[in-house]
Amino acid sequence: MLCPDPAARGRLTEITRNLADRISEARINGWLGEVEGLKVSLAAAHAKLAALDRTVRNTAPGSADLEHGASGGTPMAPVAWNAAITALNDGELPCSGGERLIIYARAEVACRACRQSGSW
């Protein structure tokens, strides 16, 4: 998966609530090391939620809008990168080795927000 799936939002929210509860419990019991570890996990969960929100806000699910990309400002169609990578991996998208590398690289760039947030 290149970007967080919008359908996973409920689960991620549940995870953040659970982590917050576990932090409270660890504090009550004086488990300071556990508190610090859980805080790191909670920060990562919040980062994933933020990346998901950015993805949903900026693009259609599973796509990247290349509106002003390398086309010199000419609008371009959105690309469903998750579907493209799945098709590539399943052998349903015939291409050369060089084309395969370009597709992988472009899919990575399309999900820059995910990488920058450290969520995937």
C-alpha atoms as a PDB file:
ATOM      1  CA  MET A   1       0.000   0.000   0.000  1.00  0.00           C
ATOM      2  CA  LEU A   2       1.435   3.345  -1.045  1.00  0.00           C
ATOM      3  CA  CYS A   3      -0.928   5.667   0.841  1.00  0.00           C
ATOM      4  CA  PRO A   4      -3.213   5.159   3.811  1.00  0.00           C
ATOM      5  CA  ASP A   5      -6.547   3.721   2.719  1.00  0.00           C
ATOM      6  CA  PRO A   6      -9.450   6.100   3.516  1.00  0.00           C
ATOM      7  CA  ALA A   7     -11.425   3.069   4.695  1.00  0.00           C
ATOM      8  CA  ALA A   8      -8.825   2.602   7.468  1.00  0.00           C
ATOM      9  CA  ARG A   9      -9.686   5.922   9.156  1.00  0.00           C
ATOM     10  CA  GLY A  10     -12.054   4.341  11.691  1.00  0.00           C
ATOM     11  CA  ARG A  11      -9.486   1.732  12.668  1.00  0.00           C
ATOM     12  CA  LEU A  12      -6.733   4.349  12.994  1.00  0.00           C
ATOM     13  CA  THR A  13      -9.004   6.467  15.205  1.00  0.00           C
ATOM     14  CA  GLU A  14      -9.705   3.413  17.364  1.00  0.00           C
ATOM     15  CA  ILE A  15      -5.967   2.743  17.639  1.00  0.00           C
ATOM     16  CA  THR A  16      -5.259   6.314  18.777  1.00  0.00           C
ATOM     17  CA  ARG A  17      -7.963   6.085  21.453  1.00  0.00           C
ATOM     18  CA  ASN A  18      -6.581   2.761  22.639  1.00  0.00           C
ATOM     19  CA  LEU A  19      -3.051   4.171  22.808  1.00  0.00           C
ATOM     20  CA  ALA A  20      -4.254   7.177  24.812  1.00  0.00           C
ATOM     21  CA  ASP A  21      -5.995   4.812  27.261  1.00  0.00           C
ATOM     22  CA  ARG A  22      -2.841   2.702  27.572  1.00  0.00           C
ATOM     23  CA  ILE A  23      -0.757   5.832  28.241  1.00  0.00           C
ATOM     24  CA  SER A  24      -3.137   6.804  31.064  1.00  0.00           C
ATOM     25  CA  GLU A  25      -2.919   3.316  32.539  1.00  0.00           C
ATOM     26  CA  ALA A  26       0.882   3.303  32.320  1.00  0.00           C
ATOM     27  CA  ARG A  27       1.068   6.692  34.058  1.00  0.00           C
ATOM     28  CA  ILE A  28      -1.204   5.480  36.862  1.00  0.00           C
ATOM     29  CA  ASN A  29       1.032   2.451  37.378  1.00  0.00           C
ATOM     30  CA  GLY A  30       4.246   4.476  37.193  1.00  0.00           C
ATOM     31  CA  TRP A  31       5.507   2.701  34.063  1.00  0.00           C
ATOM     32  CA  LEU A  32       7.421   5.689  32.705  1.00  0.00           C
ATOM     33  CA  GLY A  33       9.300   3.746  30.037  1.00  0.00           C
ATOM     34  CA  GLU A  34       6.034   2.318  28.751  1.00  0.00           C
ATOM     35  CA  VAL A  35       4.542   5.830  28.682  1.00  0.00           C
ATOM     36  CA  GLU A  36       7.374   7.076  26.469  1.00  0.00           C
ATOM     37  CA  GLY A  37       7.105   4.128  24.086  1.00  0.00           C
ATOM     38  CA  LEU A  38       3.344   4.508  23.782  1.00  0.00           C
ATOM     39  CA  LYS A  39       3.723   8.242  23.133  1.00  0.00           C
ATOM     40  CA  VAL A  40       5.940   7.437  20.154  1.00  0.00           C
ATOM     41  CA  SER A  41       3.308   5.021  18.827  1.00  0.00           C
ATOM     42  CA  LEU A  42       0.561   7.592  19.395  1.00  0.00           C
ATOM     43  CA  ALA A  43       2.521  10.237  17.485  1.00  0.00           C
ATOM     44  CA  ALA A  44       2.943   7.791  14.579  1.00  0.00           C
ATOM     45  CA  ALA A  45      -0.792   7.010  14.589  1.00  0.00           C
ATOM     46  CA  HIS A  46      -1.594  10.737  14.540  1.00  0.00           C
ATOM     47  CA  ALA A  47       0.850  11.182  11.631  1.00  0.00           C
ATOM     48  CA  LYS A  48      -0.929   8.434   9.691  1.00  0.00           C
ATOM     49  CA  LEU A  49      -4.289  10.097  10.325  1.00  0.00           C
ATOM     50  CA  ALA A  50      -2.898  13.448   9.164  1.00  0.00           C
ATOM     51  CA  ALA A  51      -1.463  11.838   6.004  1.00  0.00           C
ATOM     52  CA  LEU A  52      -4.797  10.168   5.358  1.00  0.00           C
ATOM     53  CA  ASP A  53      -6.636  13.466   5.776  1.00  0.00           C
ATOM     54  CA  ARG A  54      -4.230  15.207   3.380  1.00  0.00           C
ATOM     55  CA  THR A  55      -4.633  12.431   0.832  1.00  0.00           C
ATOM     56  CA  VAL A  56      -8.429  12.510   1.022  1.00  0.00           C
ATOM     57  CA  ARG A  57      -8.509  16.312   0.915  1.00  0.00           C
ATOM     58  CA  ASN A  58      -6.097  16.648  -2.024  1.00  0.00           C
ATOM     59  CA  THR A  59      -6.992  13.707  -4.264  1.00  0.00           C
ATOM     60  CA  ALA A  60      -9.579  11.095  -4.993  1.00  0.00           C
ATOM     61  CA  PRO A  61      -8.962   7.852  -3.055  1.00  0.00           C
ATOM     62  CA  GLY A  62      -5.964   6.003  -4.474  1.00  0.00           C
ATOM     63  CA  SER A  63      -5.094   8.651  -7.040  1.00  0.00           C
ATOM     64  CA  ALA A  64      -2.723  11.552  -7.463  1.00  0.00           C
ATOM     65  CA  ASP A  65      -3.705  14.695  -9.312  1.00  0.00           C
ATOM     66  CA  LEU A  66      -0.919  15.723 -11.658  1.00  0.00           C
ATOM     67  CA  GLU A  67      -2.657  18.953 -12.608  1.00  0.00           C
ATOM     68  CA  HIS A  68       0.525  21.017 -12.834  1.00  0.00           C
ATOM     69  CA  GLY A  69       3.225  18.368 -13.073  1.00  0.00           C
ATOM     70  CA  ALA A  70       5.882  17.931 -15.752  1.00  0.00           C
ATOM     71  CA  SER A  71       3.339  18.855 -18.427  1.00  0.00           C
ATOM     72  CA  GLY A  72       4.283  22.543 -18.391  1.00  0.00           C
ATOM     73  CA  GLY A  73       0.978  23.476 -16.774  1.00  0.00           C
ATOM     74  CA  THR A  74      -1.246  21.436 -19.093  1.00  0.00           C
ATOM     75  CA  PRO A  75      -3.871  19.655 -16.976  1.00  0.00           C
ATOM     76  CA  MET A  76      -3.387  15.903 -16.839  1.00  0.00           C
ATOM     77  CA  ALA A  77      -5.728  13.091 -15.829  1.00  0.00           C
ATOM     78  CA  PRO A  78      -5.449  11.674 -12.303  1.00  0.00           C
ATOM     79  CA  VAL A  79      -3.689   8.334 -11.983  1.00  0.00           C
ATOM     80  CA  ALA A  80      -4.917   5.606  -9.638  1.00  0.00           C
ATOM     81  CA  TRP A  81      -1.408   4.713  -8.408  1.00  0.00           C
ATOM     82  CA  ASN A  82      -2.478   1.931  -6.051  1.00  0.00           C
ATOM     83  CA  ALA A  83      -4.309   0.224  -8.926  1.00  0.00           C
ATOM     84  CA  ALA A  84      -1.386   0.816 -11.297  1.00  0.00           C
ATOM     85  CA  ILE A  85       1.127  -0.743  -8.892  1.00  0.00           C
ATOM     86  CA  THR A  86      -1.180  -3.688  -8.210  1.00  0.00           C
ATOM     87  CA  ALA A  87      -1.589  -4.281 -11.952  1.00  0.00           C
ATOM     88  CA  LEU A  88       2.171  -3.945 -12.450  1.00  0.00           C
ATOM     89  CA  ASN A  89       2.923  -6.429  -9.671  1.00  0.00           C
ATOM     90  CA  ASP A  90       0.292  -8.866 -10.967  1.00  0.00           C
ATOM     91  CA  GLY A  91       1.766  -8.793 -14.486  1.00  0.00           C
ATOM     92  CA  GLU A  92      -1.330  -7.090 -15.910  1.00  0.00           C
ATOM     93  CA  LEU A  93       0.544  -3.972 -16.990  1.00  0.00           C
ATOM     94  CA  PRO A  94       3.107  -4.972 -19.613  1.00  0.00           C
ATOM     95  CA  CYS A  95       6.162  -2.738 -19.668  1.00  0.00           C
ATOM     96  CA  SER A  96       9.922  -2.785 -19.934  1.00  0.00           C
ATOM     97  CA  GLY A  97      12.210  -2.824 -16.917  1.00  0.00           C
ATOM     98  CA  GLY A  98      12.913   0.888 -17.333  1.00  0.00           C
ATOM     99  CA  GLU A  99       9.217   1.708 -17.583  1.00  0.00           C
ATOM    100  CA  ARG A 100       8.579  -0.374 -14.458  1.00  0.00           C
ATOM    101  CA  LEU A 101      11.157   1.666 -12.518  1.00  0.00           C
ATOM    102  CA  ILE A 102       9.622   4.929 -13.730  1.00  0.00           C
ATOM    103  CA  ILE A 103       6.144   3.820 -12.633  1.00  0.00           C
ATOM    104  CA  TYR A 104       7.423   2.839  -9.178  1.00  0.00           C
ATOM    105  CA  ALA A 105       9.323   6.137  -8.856  1.00  0.00           C
ATOM    106  CA  ARG A 106       6.316   8.220  -9.936  1.00  0.00           C
ATOM    107  CA  ALA A 107       4.035   6.343  -7.526  1.00  0.00           C
ATOM    108  CA  GLU A 108       6.471   7.161  -4.721  1.00  0.00           C
ATOM    109  CA  VAL A 109       6.435  10.839  -5.637  1.00  0.00           C
ATOM    110  CA  ALA A 110       2.634  10.799  -5.798  1.00  0.00           C
ATOM    111  CA  CYS A 111       2.569   9.722  -2.177  1.00  0.00           C
ATOM    112  CA  ARG A 112       5.215  12.169  -0.956  1.00  0.00           C
ATOM    113  CA  ALA A 113       2.983  13.257   1.930  1.00  0.00           C
ATOM    114  CA  CYS A 114       2.910   9.681   3.184  1.00  0.00           C
ATOM    115  CA  ARG A 115       6.699   9.360   3.121  1.00  0.00           C
ATOM    116  CA  GLN A 116       7.337  12.787   4.666  1.00  0.00           C
ATOM    117  CA  SER A 117       5.025  12.045   7.568  1.00  0.00           C
ATOM    118  CA  GLY A 118       6.818   8.724   8.128  1.00  0.00           C
ATOM    119  CA  SER A 119       3.472   6.947   8.044  1.00  0.00           C
ATOM    120  CA  TRP A 120       4.441   4.238   5.522  1.00  0.00           C
END
